[in-house]
Amino acid sequence: MICNMMTYKKGDKGEMVRQIQKALAAAGLKVMVDGVYGKITEEAVETFQHEKGLKVDGVVGPATLAKLGIAVAQQCAGMKKSKRFISEIIVHCTATPEGKDYTVEDIRKWHKERGWSDIGYHYVIDRKGHILPGRDVDTIGAHCEGHNAHSIGVVYIGGVSALNGKPKDTRTLAQKAALIRCITELKSLYPQAKIYGHCNFTNSKPCPCFDAKTEYVSI
């Protein structure tokens, strides 16, 4: 999988712009968190770039993303297209504690211990925002009973509070950005596919601990 960085500028809209605005606000800059990259956001970016010694152009590229703490927001190009008909992209969490890192091999081991042939998900988003391949997309996954045959499973590491062990949206900024990149690329490969959270198909699990269907409705 080949990854490159995208840039964001005045006129852009969407969840990634919202994440940039949140990071700017966290840095103490006045900005509206509305997902619209307008003049106010551009000016905030320019101020941030000046403060950090970056090129002041009002465009959020790799260097500015790095300073904002979301440097690993990656656009994964060249994803393999499945030979299967894909009608659903289903988002999951690993139901592991907030702040703990796990690898694709960790998940593969867990799933094989259940008697499965391989990791059940097709893509894994680690806490740093890396988009990692899991099960081959040509192979039916094992992530959502009754929906595996025609779906792609995407999982982020986390989903459980470190304090009380209860379900929680623990996505880092990097994971949020990477999920957007991953799902956007998948939608370009499977334009007919609809995006869901695992919880949309089961009443017994809150996974992925946020409303993926609503959050990604504009993708």
N, C-alpha and C. Protein backbone atom coordinates (compact mmCIF):
# COMPACT_ATOMS: atom_id res chain seq x y z
N MET A 1 0.84 -1.18 0.00
CA MET A 1 0.00 0.00 0.00
C MET A 1 0.89 1.24 0.00
N ILE A 2 0.66 2.14 -0.91
CA ILE A 2 1.46 3.36 -1.05
C ILE A 2 0.69 4.51 -0.43
N CYS A 3 1.36 5.27 0.44
CA CYS A 3 0.68 6.37 1.13
C CYS A 3 1.36 7.70 0.84
N ASN A 4 0.57 8.73 0.69
CA ASN A 4 1.12 10.08 0.55
C ASN A 4 0.25 11.05 1.32
N MET A 5 0.76 12.22 1.53
CA MET A 5 0.04 13.23 2.31
C MET A 5 -0.81 14.11 1.42
N MET A 6 -1.96 14.47 1.91
CA MET A 6 -2.80 15.42 1.21
C MET A 6 -2.60 16.81 1.83
N THR A 7 -3.04 17.83 1.11
CA THR A 7 -3.02 19.19 1.64
C THR A 7 -4.45 19.70 1.73
N TYR A 8 -4.63 20.67 2.62
CA TYR A 8 -5.96 21.24 2.85
C TYR A 8 -5.83 22.75 2.77
N LYS A 9 -6.80 23.38 2.11
CA LYS A 9 -6.71 24.82 1.88
C LYS A 9 -8.11 25.44 1.86
N LYS A 10 -8.12 26.77 1.73
CA LYS A 10 -9.37 27.52 1.72
C LYS A 10 -10.31 26.97 0.65
N GLY A 11 -11.56 26.73 1.05
CA GLY A 11 -12.55 26.18 0.14
C GLY A 11 -12.85 24.72 0.41
N ASP A 12 -11.94 24.04 1.13
CA ASP A 12 -12.17 22.63 1.45
C ASP A 12 -13.21 22.49 2.55
N LYS A 13 -13.88 21.35 2.56
CA LYS A 13 -14.87 21.06 3.60
C LYS A 13 -14.75 19.60 4.01
N GLY A 14 -15.29 19.30 5.19
CA GLY A 14 -15.34 17.91 5.61
C GLY A 14 -14.77 17.67 7.00
N GLU A 15 -14.78 16.40 7.39
CA GLU A 15 -14.38 16.01 8.73
C GLU A 15 -12.91 16.29 8.99
N MET A 16 -12.05 16.14 7.97
CA MET A 16 -10.64 16.41 8.19
C MET A 16 -10.41 17.89 8.48
N VAL A 17 -11.14 18.76 7.80
CA VAL A 17 -11.04 20.20 8.09
C VAL A 17 -11.47 20.45 9.53
N ARG A 18 -12.50 19.77 9.96
CA ARG A 18 -12.97 19.92 11.34
C ARG A 18 -11.87 19.52 12.33
N GLN A 19 -11.15 18.43 12.03
CA GLN A 19 -10.08 17.99 12.92
C GLN A 19 -8.94 19.01 12.96
N ILE A 20 -8.64 19.61 11.82
CA ILE A 20 -7.62 20.66 11.77
C ILE A 20 -8.06 21.84 12.62
N GLN A 21 -9.33 22.21 12.49
CA GLN A 21 -9.85 23.34 13.28
C GLN A 21 -9.79 23.04 14.78
N LYS A 22 -10.10 21.81 15.16
CA LYS A 22 -10.03 21.43 16.57
C LYS A 22 -8.60 21.55 17.09
N ALA A 23 -7.65 21.12 16.27
CA ALA A 23 -6.25 21.20 16.67
C ALA A 23 -5.79 22.64 16.78
N LEU A 24 -6.26 23.50 15.88
CA LEU A 24 -5.92 24.92 15.95
C LEU A 24 -6.51 25.54 17.22
N ALA A 25 -7.76 25.18 17.51
CA ALA A 25 -8.40 25.71 18.72
C ALA A 25 -7.66 25.25 19.97
N ALA A 26 -7.21 23.98 19.95
CA ALA A 26 -6.46 23.45 21.09
C ALA A 26 -5.13 24.18 21.27
N ALA A 27 -4.64 24.76 20.16
CA ALA A 27 -3.38 25.51 20.21
C ALA A 27 -3.61 26.96 20.64
N GLY A 28 -4.88 27.30 20.96
CA GLY A 28 -5.19 28.63 21.48
C GLY A 28 -5.58 29.65 20.43
N LEU A 29 -5.86 29.19 19.22
CA LEU A 29 -6.22 30.11 18.15
C LEU A 29 -7.74 30.20 18.00
N LYS A 30 -8.21 31.39 17.62
CA LYS A 30 -9.64 31.59 17.43
C LYS A 30 -10.06 31.06 16.08
N VAL A 31 -10.90 30.06 16.08
CA VAL A 31 -11.34 29.44 14.83
C VAL A 31 -12.68 28.76 15.06
N MET A 32 -13.54 28.80 14.08
CA MET A 32 -14.83 28.11 14.16
C MET A 32 -14.64 26.66 13.76
N VAL A 33 -15.10 25.75 14.60
CA VAL A 33 -14.99 24.32 14.30
C VAL A 33 -16.27 23.89 13.59
N ASP A 34 -16.30 24.14 12.26
CA ASP A 34 -17.51 23.86 11.49
C ASP A 34 -17.26 23.01 10.26
N GLY A 35 -16.00 22.58 10.07
CA GLY A 35 -15.69 21.74 8.92
C GLY A 35 -15.59 22.48 7.61
N VAL A 36 -15.56 23.81 7.67
CA VAL A 36 -15.47 24.63 6.45
C VAL A 36 -14.17 25.45 6.51
N TYR A 37 -13.30 25.24 5.56
CA TYR A 37 -12.01 25.94 5.53
C TYR A 37 -12.20 27.30 4.87
N GLY A 38 -12.63 28.27 5.69
CA GLY A 38 -12.87 29.61 5.20
C GLY A 38 -11.75 30.56 5.58
N LYS A 39 -12.03 31.85 5.50
CA LYS A 39 -11.02 32.88 5.75
C LYS A 39 -10.50 32.83 7.18
N ILE A 40 -11.41 32.62 8.14
CA ILE A 40 -11.00 32.58 9.54
C ILE A 40 -10.04 31.42 9.79
N THR A 41 -10.36 30.27 9.23
CA THR A 41 -9.47 29.11 9.37
C THR A 41 -8.13 29.37 8.70
N GLU A 42 -8.17 29.96 7.51
CA GLU A 42 -6.94 30.26 6.78
C GLU A 42 -6.05 31.18 7.60
N GLU A 43 -6.65 32.20 8.19
CA GLU A 43 -5.88 33.15 9.00
C GLU A 43 -5.31 32.46 10.24
N ALA A 44 -6.09 31.56 10.84
CA ALA A 44 -5.60 30.83 12.01
C ALA A 44 -4.42 29.94 11.63
N VAL A 45 -4.51 29.31 10.46
CA VAL A 45 -3.41 28.46 9.97
C VAL A 45 -2.16 29.31 9.76
N GLU A 46 -2.33 30.47 9.15
CA GLU A 46 -1.18 31.35 8.89
C GLU A 46 -0.52 31.79 10.21
N THR A 47 -1.36 32.12 11.20
CA THR A 47 -0.82 32.50 12.50
C THR A 47 -0.06 31.33 13.12
N PHE A 48 -0.65 30.14 13.05
CA PHE A 48 -0.01 28.94 13.60
C PHE A 48 1.32 28.68 12.89
N GLN A 49 1.30 28.77 11.57
CA GLN A 49 2.53 28.53 10.81
C GLN A 49 3.62 29.53 11.19
N HIS A 50 3.24 30.78 11.36
CA HIS A 50 4.21 31.81 11.77
C HIS A 50 4.79 31.49 13.14
N GLU A 51 3.94 31.09 14.08
CA GLU A 51 4.38 30.79 15.44
C GLU A 51 5.32 29.59 15.47
N LYS A 52 5.12 28.65 14.55
CA LYS A 52 5.92 27.42 14.54
C LYS A 52 7.11 27.49 13.58
N GLY A 53 7.32 28.64 12.97
CA GLY A 53 8.45 28.79 12.07
C GLY A 53 8.29 28.07 10.75
N LEU A 54 7.05 27.87 10.33
CA LEU A 54 6.76 27.19 9.08
C LEU A 54 6.55 28.20 7.96
N LYS A 55 6.53 27.71 6.74
CA LYS A 55 6.19 28.56 5.60
C LYS A 55 4.76 29.04 5.78
N VAL A 56 4.56 30.35 5.74
CA VAL A 56 3.24 30.94 5.98
C VAL A 56 2.50 31.06 4.65
N ASP A 57 1.64 30.07 4.37
CA ASP A 57 0.88 30.09 3.11
C ASP A 57 -0.60 29.79 3.31
N GLY A 58 -1.00 29.50 4.56
CA GLY A 58 -2.41 29.22 4.82
C GLY A 58 -2.87 27.86 4.34
N VAL A 59 -1.93 27.04 3.90
CA VAL A 59 -2.25 25.70 3.40
C VAL A 59 -1.72 24.67 4.39
N VAL A 60 -2.56 23.72 4.78
CA VAL A 60 -2.15 22.68 5.72
C VAL A 60 -1.62 21.49 4.94
N GLY A 61 -0.30 21.37 4.92
CA GLY A 61 0.37 20.25 4.29
C GLY A 61 1.03 19.39 5.34
N PRO A 62 1.94 18.49 4.95
CA PRO A 62 2.59 17.57 5.88
C PRO A 62 3.26 18.24 7.07
N ALA A 63 4.00 19.35 6.82
CA ALA A 63 4.73 20.01 7.91
C ALA A 63 3.77 20.62 8.93
N THR A 64 2.70 21.26 8.45
CA THR A 64 1.73 21.86 9.36
C THR A 64 0.95 20.79 10.10
N LEU A 65 0.59 19.71 9.39
CA LEU A 65 -0.09 18.59 10.05
C LEU A 65 0.77 18.03 11.18
N ALA A 66 2.08 17.95 10.92
CA ALA A 66 2.99 17.41 11.93
C ALA A 66 2.97 18.27 13.19
N LYS A 67 3.02 19.58 13.01
CA LYS A 67 3.02 20.49 14.16
C LYS A 67 1.67 20.49 14.88
N LEU A 68 0.61 20.20 14.12
CA LEU A 68 -0.73 20.11 14.72
C LEU A 68 -0.94 18.80 15.46
N GLY A 69 -0.02 17.88 15.27
CA GLY A 69 -0.14 16.59 15.94
C GLY A 69 -0.91 15.56 15.16
N ILE A 70 -1.14 15.82 13.88
CA ILE A 70 -1.86 14.86 13.03
C ILE A 70 -1.06 14.59 11.77
N ALA A 71 0.24 14.41 11.97
CA ALA A 71 1.14 14.23 10.84
C ALA A 71 0.91 12.94 10.08
N VAL A 72 0.31 11.95 10.72
CA VAL A 72 0.16 10.67 10.04
C VAL A 72 -1.19 10.52 9.37
N ALA A 73 -1.89 11.63 9.17
CA ALA A 73 -3.12 11.57 8.40
C ALA A 73 -2.75 11.26 6.96
N GLN A 74 -2.97 10.04 6.55
CA GLN A 74 -2.45 9.59 5.27
C GLN A 74 -3.53 9.25 4.27
N GLN A 75 -3.25 9.55 3.02
CA GLN A 75 -4.11 9.14 1.92
C GLN A 75 -3.51 7.86 1.36
N CYS A 76 -4.19 6.78 1.51
CA CYS A 76 -3.66 5.51 1.03
C CYS A 76 -4.10 5.30 -0.40
N ALA A 77 -3.14 5.42 -1.30
CA ALA A 77 -3.43 5.25 -2.72
C ALA A 77 -2.99 3.86 -3.14
N GLY A 78 -3.58 3.36 -4.18
CA GLY A 78 -3.17 2.08 -4.70
C GLY A 78 -3.69 0.90 -3.90
N MET A 79 -4.74 1.08 -3.13
CA MET A 79 -5.34 -0.04 -2.42
C MET A 79 -5.81 -1.07 -3.44
N LYS A 80 -5.64 -2.30 -3.10
CA LYS A 80 -6.09 -3.38 -3.98
C LYS A 80 -7.61 -3.42 -4.01
N LYS A 81 -8.17 -3.53 -5.20
CA LYS A 81 -9.62 -3.66 -5.32
C LYS A 81 -10.01 -5.12 -5.26
N SER A 82 -10.98 -5.42 -4.44
CA SER A 82 -11.41 -6.80 -4.27
C SER A 82 -12.12 -7.32 -5.52
N LYS A 83 -11.94 -8.60 -5.75
CA LYS A 83 -12.66 -9.26 -6.84
C LYS A 83 -14.10 -9.54 -6.43
N ARG A 84 -14.36 -9.42 -5.12
CA ARG A 84 -15.72 -9.64 -4.63
C ARG A 84 -16.56 -8.38 -4.87
N PHE A 85 -17.88 -8.55 -4.96
CA PHE A 85 -18.78 -7.41 -5.01
C PHE A 85 -18.88 -6.85 -3.60
N ILE A 86 -18.57 -5.57 -3.43
CA ILE A 86 -18.57 -4.94 -2.11
C ILE A 86 -19.70 -3.92 -2.02
N SER A 87 -20.61 -4.14 -1.09
CA SER A 87 -21.74 -3.23 -0.92
C SER A 87 -21.71 -2.53 0.43
N GLU A 88 -20.80 -2.95 1.32
CA GLU A 88 -20.74 -2.36 2.65
C GLU A 88 -19.29 -2.19 3.11
N ILE A 89 -19.03 -1.06 3.73
CA ILE A 89 -17.76 -0.81 4.42
C ILE A 89 -18.13 -0.69 5.89
N ILE A 90 -17.65 -1.61 6.71
CA ILE A 90 -18.08 -1.69 8.11
C ILE A 90 -16.93 -1.34 9.04
N VAL A 91 -17.17 -0.35 9.90
CA VAL A 91 -16.14 0.16 10.81
C VAL A 91 -16.28 -0.49 12.19
N HIS A 92 -15.14 -0.86 12.75
CA HIS A 92 -15.09 -1.54 14.04
C HIS A 92 -14.06 -0.88 14.96
N CYS A 93 -14.09 -1.28 16.23
CA CYS A 93 -12.99 -1.01 17.15
C CYS A 93 -12.51 -2.36 17.68
N THR A 94 -11.29 -2.41 18.20
CA THR A 94 -10.77 -3.68 18.71
C THR A 94 -11.25 -3.98 20.13
N ALA A 95 -11.96 -3.02 20.74
CA ALA A 95 -12.44 -3.18 22.12
C ALA A 95 -11.27 -3.43 23.07
N THR A 96 -10.20 -2.65 22.86
CA THR A 96 -9.01 -2.71 23.72
C THR A 96 -8.87 -1.38 24.44
N PRO A 97 -8.14 -1.35 25.56
CA PRO A 97 -8.07 -0.15 26.40
C PRO A 97 -7.44 1.06 25.71
N GLU A 98 -8.00 2.20 25.99
CA GLU A 98 -7.48 3.48 25.50
C GLU A 98 -6.01 3.63 25.87
N GLY A 99 -5.21 4.07 24.90
CA GLY A 99 -3.80 4.33 25.16
C GLY A 99 -2.88 3.15 24.98
N LYS A 100 -3.46 1.97 24.69
CA LYS A 100 -2.63 0.76 24.51
C LYS A 100 -2.48 0.45 23.03
N ASP A 101 -1.26 0.16 22.64
CA ASP A 101 -0.97 -0.16 21.24
C ASP A 101 -1.02 -1.66 21.00
N TYR A 102 -1.63 -2.03 19.89
CA TYR A 102 -1.65 -3.42 19.45
C TYR A 102 -1.36 -3.45 17.96
N THR A 103 -0.85 -4.55 17.49
CA THR A 103 -0.45 -4.68 16.10
C THR A 103 -1.39 -5.58 15.33
N VAL A 104 -1.22 -5.58 14.01
CA VAL A 104 -1.98 -6.49 13.17
C VAL A 104 -1.71 -7.93 13.60
N GLU A 105 -0.46 -8.21 13.91
CA GLU A 105 -0.10 -9.58 14.32
C GLU A 105 -0.75 -9.96 15.64
N ASP A 106 -0.91 -8.99 16.55
CA ASP A 106 -1.61 -9.27 17.80
C ASP A 106 -3.04 -9.71 17.51
N ILE A 107 -3.72 -8.94 16.66
CA ILE A 107 -5.12 -9.25 16.34
C ILE A 107 -5.21 -10.57 15.59
N ARG A 108 -4.28 -10.79 14.68
CA ARG A 108 -4.26 -12.05 13.93
C ARG A 108 -4.14 -13.24 14.90
N LYS A 109 -3.28 -13.08 15.91
CA LYS A 109 -3.10 -14.14 16.90
C LYS A 109 -4.39 -14.39 17.67
N TRP A 110 -5.05 -13.30 18.11
CA TRP A 110 -6.30 -13.44 18.84
C TRP A 110 -7.33 -14.20 18.01
N HIS A 111 -7.44 -13.83 16.74
CA HIS A 111 -8.45 -14.44 15.89
C HIS A 111 -8.12 -15.89 15.55
N LYS A 112 -6.86 -16.18 15.38
CA LYS A 112 -6.48 -17.56 15.10
C LYS A 112 -6.73 -18.45 16.33
N GLU A 113 -6.58 -17.85 17.51
CA GLU A 113 -6.87 -18.60 18.74
C GLU A 113 -8.34 -18.96 18.84
N ARG A 114 -9.18 -18.20 18.11
CA ARG A 114 -10.61 -18.52 18.05
C ARG A 114 -10.91 -19.60 17.02
N GLY A 115 -9.88 -19.97 16.28
CA GLY A 115 -10.06 -21.00 15.26
C GLY A 115 -10.25 -20.43 13.87
N TRP A 116 -10.11 -19.09 13.73
CA TRP A 116 -10.25 -18.49 12.41
C TRP A 116 -8.96 -18.69 11.61
N SER A 117 -9.05 -18.58 10.32
CA SER A 117 -7.89 -18.82 9.45
C SER A 117 -6.93 -17.64 9.42
N ASP A 118 -7.43 -16.44 9.76
CA ASP A 118 -6.61 -15.23 9.66
C ASP A 118 -7.29 -14.13 10.46
N ILE A 119 -6.67 -12.96 10.51
CA ILE A 119 -7.30 -11.78 11.09
C ILE A 119 -8.63 -11.53 10.37
N GLY A 120 -9.64 -11.12 11.11
CA GLY A 120 -10.96 -10.98 10.51
C GLY A 120 -11.17 -9.70 9.72
N TYR A 121 -10.36 -8.66 10.00
CA TYR A 121 -10.53 -7.35 9.35
C TYR A 121 -9.61 -7.22 8.14
N HIS A 122 -10.02 -6.36 7.22
CA HIS A 122 -9.20 -6.13 6.03
C HIS A 122 -8.21 -4.99 6.21
N TYR A 123 -8.55 -4.01 7.07
CA TYR A 123 -7.64 -2.90 7.33
C TYR A 123 -7.66 -2.57 8.82
N VAL A 124 -6.49 -2.22 9.35
CA VAL A 124 -6.34 -1.88 10.76
C VAL A 124 -5.74 -0.47 10.86
N ILE A 125 -6.34 0.37 11.69
CA ILE A 125 -5.85 1.73 11.92
C ILE A 125 -5.22 1.77 13.31
N ASP A 126 -3.89 1.89 13.38
CA ASP A 126 -3.27 1.92 14.70
C ASP A 126 -3.38 3.31 15.32
N ARG A 127 -2.92 3.45 16.55
CA ARG A 127 -3.12 4.70 17.30
C ARG A 127 -2.36 5.86 16.69
N LYS A 128 -1.32 5.59 15.91
CA LYS A 128 -0.57 6.65 15.26
C LYS A 128 -1.16 7.03 13.91
N GLY A 129 -2.21 6.33 13.51
CA GLY A 129 -2.87 6.65 12.27
C GLY A 129 -2.36 5.91 11.05
N HIS A 130 -1.53 4.89 11.25
CA HIS A 130 -1.08 4.09 10.12
C HIS A 130 -2.23 3.19 9.65
N ILE A 131 -2.40 3.12 8.36
CA ILE A 131 -3.43 2.26 7.76
C ILE A 131 -2.74 0.99 7.31
N LEU A 132 -3.05 -0.10 7.99
CA LEU A 132 -2.32 -1.34 7.80
C LEU A 132 -3.20 -2.43 7.21
N PRO A 133 -2.68 -3.20 6.26
CA PRO A 133 -3.47 -4.28 5.66
C PRO A 133 -3.63 -5.45 6.60
N GLY A 134 -4.82 -6.03 6.60
CA GLY A 134 -5.09 -7.23 7.38
C GLY A 134 -5.34 -8.40 6.46
N ARG A 135 -6.54 -8.96 6.51
CA ARG A 135 -6.90 -10.06 5.62
C ARG A 135 -6.97 -9.55 4.18
N ASP A 136 -6.57 -10.38 3.23
CA ASP A 136 -6.63 -9.99 1.82
C ASP A 136 -8.07 -9.64 1.45
N VAL A 137 -8.24 -8.53 0.73
CA VAL A 137 -9.59 -8.07 0.40
C VAL A 137 -10.35 -9.03 -0.52
N ASP A 138 -9.64 -9.90 -1.21
CA ASP A 138 -10.31 -10.89 -2.05
C ASP A 138 -10.94 -12.00 -1.22
N THR A 139 -10.53 -12.09 0.04
CA THR A 139 -11.03 -13.13 0.93
C THR A 139 -12.14 -12.57 1.82
N ILE A 140 -13.20 -13.32 1.95
CA ILE A 140 -14.31 -12.90 2.81
C ILE A 140 -13.80 -12.71 4.24
N GLY A 141 -14.17 -11.61 4.85
CA GLY A 141 -13.72 -11.31 6.20
C GLY A 141 -14.49 -12.08 7.26
N ALA A 142 -14.11 -11.83 8.51
CA ALA A 142 -14.80 -12.43 9.66
C ALA A 142 -14.94 -11.33 10.70
N HIS A 143 -15.86 -10.40 10.45
CA HIS A 143 -15.98 -9.23 11.32
C HIS A 143 -17.41 -8.81 11.61
N CYS A 144 -18.36 -9.28 10.80
CA CYS A 144 -19.76 -8.90 11.01
C CYS A 144 -20.66 -10.02 10.49
N GLU A 145 -21.16 -10.80 11.40
CA GLU A 145 -21.95 -11.97 11.03
C GLU A 145 -23.13 -11.59 10.13
N GLY A 146 -23.25 -12.31 9.03
CA GLY A 146 -24.33 -12.09 8.09
C GLY A 146 -24.03 -11.04 7.03
N HIS A 147 -22.87 -10.36 7.18
CA HIS A 147 -22.52 -9.29 6.25
C HIS A 147 -21.10 -9.42 5.70
N ASN A 148 -20.44 -10.51 6.01
CA ASN A 148 -19.04 -10.66 5.61
C ASN A 148 -18.83 -10.83 4.11
N ALA A 149 -19.73 -11.51 3.45
CA ALA A 149 -19.51 -11.88 2.05
C ALA A 149 -19.32 -10.69 1.13
N HIS A 150 -20.02 -9.60 1.41
CA HIS A 150 -19.98 -8.45 0.49
C HIS A 150 -19.51 -7.17 1.20
N SER A 151 -18.61 -7.32 2.15
CA SER A 151 -18.15 -6.14 2.90
C SER A 151 -16.64 -6.10 3.06
N ILE A 152 -16.17 -4.91 3.41
CA ILE A 152 -14.79 -4.68 3.82
C ILE A 152 -14.82 -4.26 5.27
N GLY A 153 -14.02 -4.90 6.10
CA GLY A 153 -13.97 -4.56 7.52
C GLY A 153 -12.77 -3.69 7.85
N VAL A 154 -13.03 -2.56 8.50
CA VAL A 154 -11.98 -1.63 8.90
C VAL A 154 -12.06 -1.46 10.42
N VAL A 155 -10.94 -1.60 11.12
CA VAL A 155 -10.96 -1.52 12.57
C VAL A 155 -9.91 -0.53 13.07
N TYR A 156 -10.26 0.22 14.12
CA TYR A 156 -9.26 1.05 14.77
C TYR A 156 -8.91 0.45 16.12
N ILE A 157 -7.67 0.65 16.55
CA ILE A 157 -7.21 0.13 17.83
C ILE A 157 -7.78 0.98 18.95
N GLY A 158 -8.49 0.35 19.87
CA GLY A 158 -9.08 1.06 20.99
C GLY A 158 -10.56 0.75 21.13
N GLY A 159 -11.28 1.65 21.81
CA GLY A 159 -12.71 1.48 21.95
C GLY A 159 -13.18 1.20 23.37
N VAL A 160 -12.23 1.18 24.33
CA VAL A 160 -12.60 0.91 25.72
C VAL A 160 -11.90 1.92 26.63
N SER A 161 -12.63 2.48 27.57
CA SER A 161 -12.06 3.43 28.52
C SER A 161 -11.01 2.76 29.39
N ALA A 162 -9.89 3.44 29.58
CA ALA A 162 -8.84 2.91 30.44
C ALA A 162 -9.21 3.06 31.91
N LEU A 163 -10.20 3.90 32.21
CA LEU A 163 -10.58 4.17 33.59
C LEU A 163 -11.58 3.17 34.14
N ASN A 164 -12.61 2.87 33.32
CA ASN A 164 -13.67 2.00 33.85
C ASN A 164 -13.98 0.80 32.98
N GLY A 165 -13.26 0.64 31.88
CA GLY A 165 -13.47 -0.53 31.03
C GLY A 165 -14.74 -0.50 30.21
N LYS A 166 -15.40 0.67 30.19
CA LYS A 166 -16.64 0.79 29.43
C LYS A 166 -16.36 1.25 28.00
N PRO A 167 -17.30 0.98 27.08
CA PRO A 167 -17.11 1.41 25.69
C PRO A 167 -16.89 2.91 25.60
N LYS A 168 -15.94 3.33 24.77
CA LYS A 168 -15.62 4.74 24.62
C LYS A 168 -14.98 4.98 23.26
N ASP A 169 -15.33 6.10 22.65
CA ASP A 169 -14.66 6.50 21.41
C ASP A 169 -13.27 7.01 21.78
N THR A 170 -12.28 6.17 21.60
CA THR A 170 -10.91 6.50 22.01
C THR A 170 -10.03 6.92 20.83
N ARG A 171 -10.62 7.18 19.67
CA ARG A 171 -9.82 7.51 18.49
C ARG A 171 -8.92 8.72 18.73
N THR A 172 -7.67 8.59 18.37
CA THR A 172 -6.77 9.74 18.39
C THR A 172 -7.07 10.60 17.16
N LEU A 173 -6.54 11.83 17.15
CA LEU A 173 -6.71 12.67 15.96
C LEU A 173 -6.15 11.97 14.73
N ALA A 174 -5.02 11.31 14.92
CA ALA A 174 -4.40 10.60 13.79
C ALA A 174 -5.31 9.48 13.29
N GLN A 175 -5.94 8.77 14.20
CA GLN A 175 -6.85 7.69 13.78
C GLN A 175 -8.08 8.24 13.06
N LYS A 176 -8.61 9.34 13.57
CA LYS A 176 -9.77 9.94 12.91
C LYS A 176 -9.44 10.35 11.49
N ALA A 177 -8.27 10.96 11.33
CA ALA A 177 -7.86 11.38 9.99
C ALA A 177 -7.61 10.19 9.09
N ALA A 178 -6.95 9.17 9.63
CA ALA A 178 -6.63 7.99 8.83
C ALA A 178 -7.89 7.23 8.42
N LEU A 179 -8.86 7.18 9.31
CA LEU A 179 -10.13 6.52 8.97
C LEU A 179 -10.81 7.22 7.80
N ILE A 180 -10.77 8.55 7.82
CA ILE A 180 -11.35 9.30 6.71
C ILE A 180 -10.63 8.97 5.42
N ARG A 181 -9.28 8.94 5.48
CA ARG A 181 -8.51 8.63 4.27
C ARG A 181 -8.82 7.24 3.75
N CYS A 182 -8.82 6.29 4.66
CA CYS A 182 -9.05 4.89 4.29
C CYS A 182 -10.44 4.71 3.68
N ILE A 183 -11.45 5.25 4.33
CA ILE A 183 -12.82 5.08 3.86
C ILE A 183 -13.04 5.83 2.55
N THR A 184 -12.42 7.00 2.42
CA THR A 184 -12.53 7.75 1.16
C THR A 184 -11.96 6.95 0.00
N GLU A 185 -10.80 6.34 0.22
CA GLU A 185 -10.19 5.52 -0.82
C GLU A 185 -11.05 4.30 -1.13
N LEU A 186 -11.58 3.67 -0.10
CA LEU A 186 -12.45 2.51 -0.31
C LEU A 186 -13.70 2.89 -1.09
N LYS A 187 -14.25 4.06 -0.78
CA LYS A 187 -15.44 4.51 -1.51
C LYS A 187 -15.13 4.77 -2.98
N SER A 188 -13.89 5.21 -3.25
CA SER A 188 -13.53 5.42 -4.65
C SER A 188 -13.42 4.09 -5.39
N LEU A 189 -13.06 3.04 -4.66
CA LEU A 189 -12.97 1.71 -5.26
C LEU A 189 -14.34 1.05 -5.37
N TYR A 190 -15.19 1.32 -4.38
CA TYR A 190 -16.52 0.70 -4.31
C TYR A 190 -17.57 1.79 -4.12
N PRO A 191 -17.84 2.58 -5.15
CA PRO A 191 -18.74 3.74 -5.01
C PRO A 191 -20.16 3.36 -4.59
N GLN A 192 -20.55 2.12 -4.85
CA GLN A 192 -21.89 1.68 -4.49
C GLN A 192 -21.99 1.28 -3.01
N ALA A 193 -20.85 1.14 -2.35
CA ALA A 193 -20.84 0.66 -0.97
C ALA A 193 -21.34 1.72 0.01
N LYS A 194 -22.05 1.27 1.02
CA LYS A 194 -22.52 2.15 2.09
C LYS A 194 -21.68 1.91 3.33
N ILE A 195 -21.54 2.95 4.14
CA ILE A 195 -20.68 2.90 5.32
C ILE A 195 -21.52 2.68 6.57
N TYR A 196 -21.09 1.74 7.39
CA TYR A 196 -21.80 1.43 8.62
C TYR A 196 -20.81 1.23 9.76
N GLY A 197 -21.33 1.30 10.97
CA GLY A 197 -20.60 0.85 12.14
C GLY A 197 -21.09 -0.55 12.46
N HIS A 198 -20.28 -1.34 13.13
CA HIS A 198 -20.69 -2.70 13.49
C HIS A 198 -22.00 -2.69 14.27
N CYS A 199 -22.17 -1.65 15.11
CA CYS A 199 -23.37 -1.56 15.94
C CYS A 199 -24.65 -1.43 15.14
N ASN A 200 -24.56 -1.05 13.87
CA ASN A 200 -25.75 -0.94 13.04
C ASN A 200 -26.35 -2.32 12.71
N PHE A 201 -25.58 -3.36 12.99
CA PHE A 201 -26.04 -4.72 12.65
C PHE A 201 -26.21 -5.61 13.87
N THR A 202 -25.96 -5.07 15.06
CA THR A 202 -26.12 -5.87 16.27
C THR A 202 -26.53 -4.98 17.43
N ASN A 203 -27.41 -5.47 18.27
CA ASN A 203 -27.83 -4.72 19.45
C ASN A 203 -26.96 -5.03 20.66
N SER A 204 -26.08 -6.02 20.53
CA SER A 204 -25.30 -6.49 21.67
C SER A 204 -23.93 -5.83 21.78
N LYS A 205 -23.51 -5.10 20.73
CA LYS A 205 -22.18 -4.50 20.76
C LYS A 205 -22.25 -3.01 20.38
N PRO A 206 -21.58 -2.14 21.15
CA PRO A 206 -21.56 -0.71 20.82
C PRO A 206 -20.50 -0.37 19.76
N CYS A 207 -19.70 -1.33 19.39
CA CYS A 207 -18.62 -1.16 18.40
C CYS A 207 -19.12 -0.43 17.15
N PRO A 208 -18.45 0.62 16.70
CA PRO A 208 -17.10 1.09 17.07
C PRO A 208 -17.09 2.21 18.11
N CYS A 209 -18.17 2.36 18.85
CA CYS A 209 -18.27 3.36 19.93
C CYS A 209 -18.39 4.79 19.42
N PHE A 210 -18.81 4.95 18.17
CA PHE A 210 -19.21 6.25 17.63
C PHE A 210 -20.13 5.96 16.46
N ASP A 211 -20.86 6.96 16.02
CA ASP A 211 -21.84 6.78 14.95
C ASP A 211 -21.17 6.93 13.59
N ALA A 212 -20.57 5.85 13.12
CA ALA A 212 -19.84 5.90 11.84
C ALA A 212 -20.77 6.20 10.67
N LYS A 213 -21.97 5.67 10.71
CA LYS A 213 -22.92 5.88 9.61
C LYS A 213 -23.20 7.36 9.41
N THR A 214 -23.37 8.08 10.51
CA THR A 214 -23.63 9.52 10.43
C THR A 214 -22.37 10.32 10.17
N GLU A 215 -21.28 9.97 10.84
CA GLU A 215 -20.04 10.73 10.74
C GLU A 215 -19.49 10.73 9.31
N TYR A 216 -19.67 9.61 8.62
CA TYR A 216 -19.09 9.49 7.29
C TYR A 216 -20.13 9.61 6.17
N VAL A 217 -21.25 10.19 6.50
CA VAL A 217 -22.34 10.27 5.52
C VAL A 217 -21.96 11.08 4.28
N SER A 218 -21.02 12.02 4.44
CA SER A 218 -20.66 12.87 3.32
C SER A 218 -19.56 12.28 2.43
N ILE A 219 -19.02 11.15 2.84
CA ILE A 219 -17.96 10.52 2.03
C ILE A 219 -18.58 9.72 0.88
